[in-house]
Amino acid sequence: MSDLPDLSRRNLLRRDQSLPPRLPWLVSENAFIDACTRCGDCIDACPTGIIQKGRGGFVELNFDKDECTFCQACVKACKVEMFRGFEQAPWSYWAEVQDNCLTHRGVVCHSCKDACEPRAIAIRPTLGQVARPQLDLDACTGCGACKSVCPADAVKIQTKARPSVTSKAY
């Protein structure tokens, strides 16, 4: 009997069926669960410190601390073959600004936009309102830079499929 958790059964009983954010360039969640030895080499290699032990001892990313710079240190530190080539997109994560954004309360805030290196977040003026963030999904890398700096904790990194629209206003 394996000491690995049965994630499919566990997820069946949980309300939140989304998986935690994982390392970039993984082949798949199943390949990760099957191959990861939970050694922690990737944790030690991460220069921003966002990789941590999660459920079942498997690593997951905590964007509350910092961002993923896609430096590839975690992949290079891993002794297991479970990654795609670096020429591909690292993952399909993306940022989403929630309703508790300060701009919804009339407070001017540009924290997420200022932290966004690929400039995927713009602050668009709106007549009669405080300008709100607008996300360009094509430019968003899901790195988490916007999440760690948000004073209202209003940014969520989505681990589900991206919506089909290329720009979303909040």
C-alpha atoms as a PDB file:
ATOM      1  CA  MET A   1       0.000   0.000   0.000  1.00  0.00           C
ATOM      2  CA  SER A   2       1.376   3.383  -1.027  1.00  0.00           C
ATOM      3  CA  ASP A   3       1.813   6.227   1.452  1.00  0.00           C
ATOM      4  CA  LEU A   4       0.831   8.723  -1.276  1.00  0.00           C
ATOM      5  CA  PRO A   5      -2.544  10.364  -0.713  1.00  0.00           C
ATOM      6  CA  ASP A   6      -5.366   9.425  -3.051  1.00  0.00           C
ATOM      7  CA  LEU A   7      -5.910  12.921  -4.382  1.00  0.00           C
ATOM      8  CA  SER A   8      -8.783  11.989  -6.642  1.00  0.00           C
ATOM      9  CA  ARG A   9     -10.783  10.599  -3.722  1.00  0.00           C
ATOM     10  CA  ARG A  10      -9.762  13.497  -1.487  1.00  0.00           C
ATOM     11  CA  ASN A  11     -10.788  16.032  -4.126  1.00  0.00           C
ATOM     12  CA  LEU A  12     -14.118  14.312  -4.591  1.00  0.00           C
ATOM     13  CA  LEU A  13     -15.003  15.085  -0.967  1.00  0.00           C
ATOM     14  CA  ARG A  14     -13.681  18.649  -0.932  1.00  0.00           C
ATOM     15  CA  ARG A  15     -15.741  21.659  -1.929  1.00  0.00           C
ATOM     16  CA  ASP A  16     -12.801  23.458  -3.512  1.00  0.00           C
ATOM     17  CA  GLN A  17     -11.738  21.097  -6.254  1.00  0.00           C
ATOM     18  CA  SER A  18      -8.959  23.304  -7.591  1.00  0.00           C
ATOM     19  CA  LEU A  19      -5.451  22.011  -7.211  1.00  0.00           C
ATOM     20  CA  PRO A  20      -2.752  24.117  -5.569  1.00  0.00           C
ATOM     21  CA  PRO A  21      -0.306  25.885  -7.871  1.00  0.00           C
ATOM     22  CA  ARG A  22       2.616  23.599  -8.677  1.00  0.00           C
ATOM     23  CA  LEU A  23       6.086  24.004 -10.155  1.00  0.00           C
ATOM     24  CA  PRO A  24       6.438  25.467 -13.645  1.00  0.00           C
ATOM     25  CA  TRP A  25       6.875  23.273 -16.725  1.00  0.00           C
ATOM     26  CA  LEU A  26       5.281  20.164 -15.173  1.00  0.00           C
ATOM     27  CA  VAL A  27       4.083  17.587 -17.680  1.00  0.00           C
ATOM     28  CA  SER A  28       0.872  17.098 -15.688  1.00  0.00           C
ATOM     29  CA  GLU A  29      -0.502  16.924 -12.152  1.00  0.00           C
ATOM     30  CA  ASN A  30      -0.655  13.130 -12.391  1.00  0.00           C
ATOM     31  CA  ALA A  31       2.979  12.896 -13.510  1.00  0.00           C
ATOM     32  CA  PHE A  32       3.936  15.176 -10.610  1.00  0.00           C
ATOM     33  CA  ILE A  33       2.097  13.078  -8.009  1.00  0.00           C
ATOM     34  CA  ASP A  34       3.551   9.863  -9.419  1.00  0.00           C
ATOM     35  CA  ALA A  35       7.142  11.114  -9.684  1.00  0.00           C
ATOM     36  CA  CYS A  36       7.705  13.645  -6.882  1.00  0.00           C
ATOM     37  CA  THR A  37       9.796  12.168  -4.063  1.00  0.00           C
ATOM     38  CA  ARG A  38       9.016  15.098  -1.743  1.00  0.00           C
ATOM     39  CA  CYS A  39      12.756  15.577  -1.145  1.00  0.00           C
ATOM     40  CA  GLY A  40      12.553  19.388  -0.929  1.00  0.00           C
ATOM     41  CA  ASP A  41      15.423  20.116  -3.340  1.00  0.00           C
ATOM     42  CA  CYS A  42      13.185  22.523  -5.269  1.00  0.00           C
ATOM     43  CA  ILE A  43      12.293  24.326  -2.024  1.00  0.00           C
ATOM     44  CA  ASP A  44      15.960  24.918  -1.263  1.00  0.00           C
ATOM     45  CA  ALA A  45      16.682  26.036  -4.842  1.00  0.00           C
ATOM     46  CA  CYS A  46      13.915  28.655  -5.124  1.00  0.00           C
ATOM     47  CA  PRO A  47      15.447  32.148  -4.839  1.00  0.00           C
ATOM     48  CA  THR A  48      12.123  33.820  -4.015  1.00  0.00           C
ATOM     49  CA  GLY A  49      11.066  31.249  -1.401  1.00  0.00           C
ATOM     50  CA  ILE A  50       7.580  30.630  -2.783  1.00  0.00           C
ATOM     51  CA  ILE A  51       7.886  26.833  -2.913  1.00  0.00           C
ATOM     52  CA  GLN A  52       6.682  25.132   0.257  1.00  0.00           C
ATOM     53  CA  LYS A  53       5.518  21.753   1.483  1.00  0.00           C
ATOM     54  CA  GLY A  54       1.780  21.377   1.062  1.00  0.00           C
ATOM     55  CA  ARG A  55      -0.831  18.646   1.386  1.00  0.00           C
ATOM     56  CA  GLY A  56       0.624  15.173   1.567  1.00  0.00           C
ATOM     57  CA  GLY A  57       4.148  16.618   1.664  1.00  0.00           C
ATOM     58  CA  PHE A  58       3.973  17.625  -2.004  1.00  0.00           C
ATOM     59  CA  VAL A  59       5.325  21.026  -2.932  1.00  0.00           C
ATOM     60  CA  GLU A  60       3.066  23.877  -3.924  1.00  0.00           C
ATOM     61  CA  LEU A  61       3.596  27.556  -4.569  1.00  0.00           C
ATOM     62  CA  ASN A  62       2.674  30.312  -2.131  1.00  0.00           C
ATOM     63  CA  PHE A  63       2.270  33.555  -4.061  1.00  0.00           C
ATOM     64  CA  ASP A  64       1.501  35.442  -0.828  1.00  0.00           C
ATOM     65  CA  LYS A  65       5.256  35.650  -0.208  1.00  0.00           C
ATOM     66  CA  ASP A  66       6.622  36.635  -3.593  1.00  0.00           C
ATOM     67  CA  GLU A  67       6.508  35.782  -7.292  1.00  0.00           C
ATOM     68  CA  CYS A  68       7.831  33.098  -9.607  1.00  0.00           C
ATOM     69  CA  THR A  69      10.589  34.566 -11.760  1.00  0.00           C
ATOM     70  CA  PHE A  70      10.712  31.485 -14.015  1.00  0.00           C
ATOM     71  CA  CYS A  71      14.433  31.193 -13.250  1.00  0.00           C
ATOM     72  CA  GLN A  72      14.240  27.400 -13.719  1.00  0.00           C
ATOM     73  CA  ALA A  73      16.177  26.738 -10.480  1.00  0.00           C
ATOM     74  CA  CYS A  74      13.486  24.386  -9.131  1.00  0.00           C
ATOM     75  CA  VAL A  75      13.417  22.348 -12.341  1.00  0.00           C
ATOM     76  CA  LYS A  76      17.204  22.122 -12.498  1.00  0.00           C
ATOM     77  CA  ALA A  77      17.400  21.051  -8.821  1.00  0.00           C
ATOM     78  CA  CYS A  78      14.874  18.238  -9.333  1.00  0.00           C
ATOM     79  CA  LYS A  79      16.362  14.797  -9.937  1.00  0.00           C
ATOM     80  CA  VAL A  80      13.099  13.414 -11.357  1.00  0.00           C
ATOM     81  CA  GLU A  81      11.941  13.591 -14.982  1.00  0.00           C
ATOM     82  CA  MET A  82       8.526  15.271 -14.886  1.00  0.00           C
ATOM     83  CA  PHE A  83       9.034  18.521 -16.769  1.00  0.00           C
ATOM     84  CA  ARG A  84       8.422  19.813 -20.299  1.00  0.00           C
ATOM     85  CA  GLY A  85      10.924  21.851 -22.270  1.00  0.00           C
ATOM     86  CA  PHE A  86      11.589  25.477 -21.347  1.00  0.00           C
ATOM     87  CA  GLU A  87      10.556  26.654 -24.817  1.00  0.00           C
ATOM     88  CA  GLN A  88       6.918  26.038 -23.823  1.00  0.00           C
ATOM     89  CA  ALA A  89       4.816  28.206 -21.527  1.00  0.00           C
ATOM     90  CA  PRO A  90       5.556  27.287 -17.899  1.00  0.00           C
ATOM     91  CA  TRP A  91       1.887  26.821 -16.966  1.00  0.00           C
ATOM     92  CA  SER A  92      -1.626  28.071 -17.660  1.00  0.00           C
ATOM     93  CA  TYR A  93      -2.079  30.043 -14.429  1.00  0.00           C
ATOM     94  CA  TRP A  94      -3.402  33.572 -14.521  1.00  0.00           C
ATOM     95  CA  ALA A  95      -4.273  36.363 -12.113  1.00  0.00           C
ATOM     96  CA  GLU A  96      -7.779  37.462 -11.258  1.00  0.00           C
ATOM     97  CA  VAL A  97      -8.692  40.556  -9.269  1.00  0.00           C
ATOM     98  CA  GLN A  98     -11.495  39.847  -6.791  1.00  0.00           C
ATOM     99  CA  ASP A  99     -14.351  42.109  -5.682  1.00  0.00           C
ATOM    100  CA  ASN A 100     -12.529  43.177  -2.511  1.00  0.00           C
ATOM    101  CA  CYS A 101     -10.082  45.237  -4.623  1.00  0.00           C
ATOM    102  CA  LEU A 102      -9.616  48.676  -3.055  1.00  0.00           C
ATOM    103  CA  THR A 103     -10.754  50.343  -6.271  1.00  0.00           C
ATOM    104  CA  HIS A 104     -14.247  48.932  -5.649  1.00  0.00           C
ATOM    105  CA  ARG A 105     -14.323  51.020  -2.457  1.00  0.00           C
ATOM    106  CA  GLY A 106     -13.212  54.188  -4.218  1.00  0.00           C
ATOM    107  CA  VAL A 107      -9.561  53.943  -3.175  1.00  0.00           C
ATOM    108  CA  VAL A 108      -6.919  54.676  -5.792  1.00  0.00           C
ATOM    109  CA  CYS A 109      -4.446  51.793  -5.901  1.00  0.00           C
ATOM    110  CA  HIS A 110      -1.960  50.741  -8.562  1.00  0.00           C
ATOM    111  CA  SER A 111      -0.003  48.104  -6.600  1.00  0.00           C
ATOM    112  CA  CYS A 112      -0.845  45.212  -8.905  1.00  0.00           C
ATOM    113  CA  LYS A 113      -0.102  47.199 -12.056  1.00  0.00           C
ATOM    114  CA  ASP A 114       3.208  48.491 -10.723  1.00  0.00           C
ATOM    115  CA  ALA A 115       4.397  44.981  -9.786  1.00  0.00           C
ATOM    116  CA  CYS A 116       3.427  43.413 -13.113  1.00  0.00           C
ATOM    117  CA  GLU A 117       6.623  42.968 -15.154  1.00  0.00           C
ATOM    118  CA  PRO A 118       4.921  41.872 -18.395  1.00  0.00           C
ATOM    119  CA  ARG A 119       2.524  44.820 -18.065  1.00  0.00           C
ATOM    120  CA  ALA A 120      -0.518  42.548 -18.189  1.00  0.00           C
ATOM    121  CA  ILE A 121      -2.405  44.845 -15.801  1.00  0.00           C
ATOM    122  CA  ALA A 122      -3.510  48.301 -16.860  1.00  0.00           C
ATOM    123  CA  ILE A 123      -5.461  50.839 -14.842  1.00  0.00           C
ATOM    124  CA  ARG A 124      -8.179  52.147 -17.117  1.00  0.00           C
ATOM    125  CA  PRO A 125     -10.001  55.383 -16.275  1.00  0.00           C
ATOM    126  CA  THR A 126     -13.733  55.022 -15.858  1.00  0.00           C
ATOM    127  CA  LEU A 127     -16.071  57.994 -15.994  1.00  0.00           C
ATOM    128  CA  GLY A 128     -17.361  58.862 -12.519  1.00  0.00           C
ATOM    129  CA  GLN A 129     -15.391  56.096 -10.758  1.00  0.00           C
ATOM    130  CA  VAL A 130     -11.920  55.340  -9.512  1.00  0.00           C
ATOM    131  CA  ALA A 131      -9.913  53.657 -12.272  1.00  0.00           C
ATOM    132  CA  ARG A 132      -9.908  49.869 -11.915  1.00  0.00           C
ATOM    133  CA  PRO A 133      -7.400  47.239 -12.988  1.00  0.00           C
ATOM    134  CA  GLN A 134      -7.888  45.556 -16.325  1.00  0.00           C
ATOM    135  CA  LEU A 135      -6.052  42.321 -17.056  1.00  0.00           C
ATOM    136  CA  ASP A 136      -4.695  41.312 -20.446  1.00  0.00           C
ATOM    137  CA  LEU A 137      -4.902  37.513 -20.242  1.00  0.00           C
ATOM    138  CA  ASP A 138      -2.632  37.068 -23.259  1.00  0.00           C
ATOM    139  CA  ALA A 139       0.156  38.935 -21.475  1.00  0.00           C
ATOM    140  CA  CYS A 140      -0.415  37.491 -17.975  1.00  0.00           C
ATOM    141  CA  THR A 141       2.162  34.860 -17.008  1.00  0.00           C
ATOM    142  CA  GLY A 142       0.527  33.915 -13.705  1.00  0.00           C
ATOM    143  CA  CYS A 143       3.790  34.721 -11.907  1.00  0.00           C
ATOM    144  CA  GLY A 144       2.050  36.038  -8.776  1.00  0.00           C
ATOM    145  CA  ALA A 145       3.889  39.363  -8.528  1.00  0.00           C
ATOM    146  CA  CYS A 146       0.560  41.192  -8.353  1.00  0.00           C
ATOM    147  CA  LYS A 147      -0.757  38.938  -5.563  1.00  0.00           C
ATOM    148  CA  SER A 148       2.093  39.402  -3.128  1.00  0.00           C
ATOM    149  CA  VAL A 149       1.898  43.224  -3.233  1.00  0.00           C
ATOM    150  CA  CYS A 150      -1.887  43.654  -3.076  1.00  0.00           C
ATOM    151  CA  PRO A 151      -2.779  45.444   0.184  1.00  0.00           C
ATOM    152  CA  ALA A 152      -6.341  44.067   0.131  1.00  0.00           C
ATOM    153  CA  ASP A 153      -5.374  40.464  -0.775  1.00  0.00           C
ATOM    154  CA  ALA A 154      -7.718  40.875  -3.736  1.00  0.00           C
ATOM    155  CA  VAL A 155      -5.658  38.989  -6.318  1.00  0.00           C
ATOM    156  CA  LYS A 156      -6.100  35.265  -6.777  1.00  0.00           C
ATOM    157  CA  ILE A 157      -3.903  33.107  -8.974  1.00  0.00           C
ATOM    158  CA  GLN A 158      -6.233  30.816 -10.876  1.00  0.00           C
ATOM    159  CA  THR A 159      -5.124  27.260 -11.546  1.00  0.00           C
ATOM    160  CA  LYS A 160      -8.033  26.388 -13.811  1.00  0.00           C
ATOM    161  CA  ALA A 161      -8.316  26.870 -17.562  1.00  0.00           C
ATOM    162  CA  ARG A 162      -8.081  30.468 -18.729  1.00  0.00           C
ATOM    163  CA  PRO A 163     -11.264  32.159 -19.914  1.00  0.00           C
ATOM    164  CA  SER A 164     -11.549  32.610 -23.646  1.00  0.00           C
ATOM    165  CA  VAL A 165     -11.621  36.416 -23.532  1.00  0.00           C
ATOM    166  CA  THR A 166      -8.253  38.119 -23.831  1.00  0.00           C
ATOM    167  CA  SER A 167      -8.970  41.073 -21.573  1.00  0.00           C
ATOM    168  CA  LYS A 168     -11.015  41.270 -18.410  1.00  0.00           C
ATOM    169  CA  ALA A 169     -11.950  44.445 -16.557  1.00  0.00           C
ATOM    170  CA  TYR A 170     -12.547  44.370 -12.836  1.00  0.00           C
END
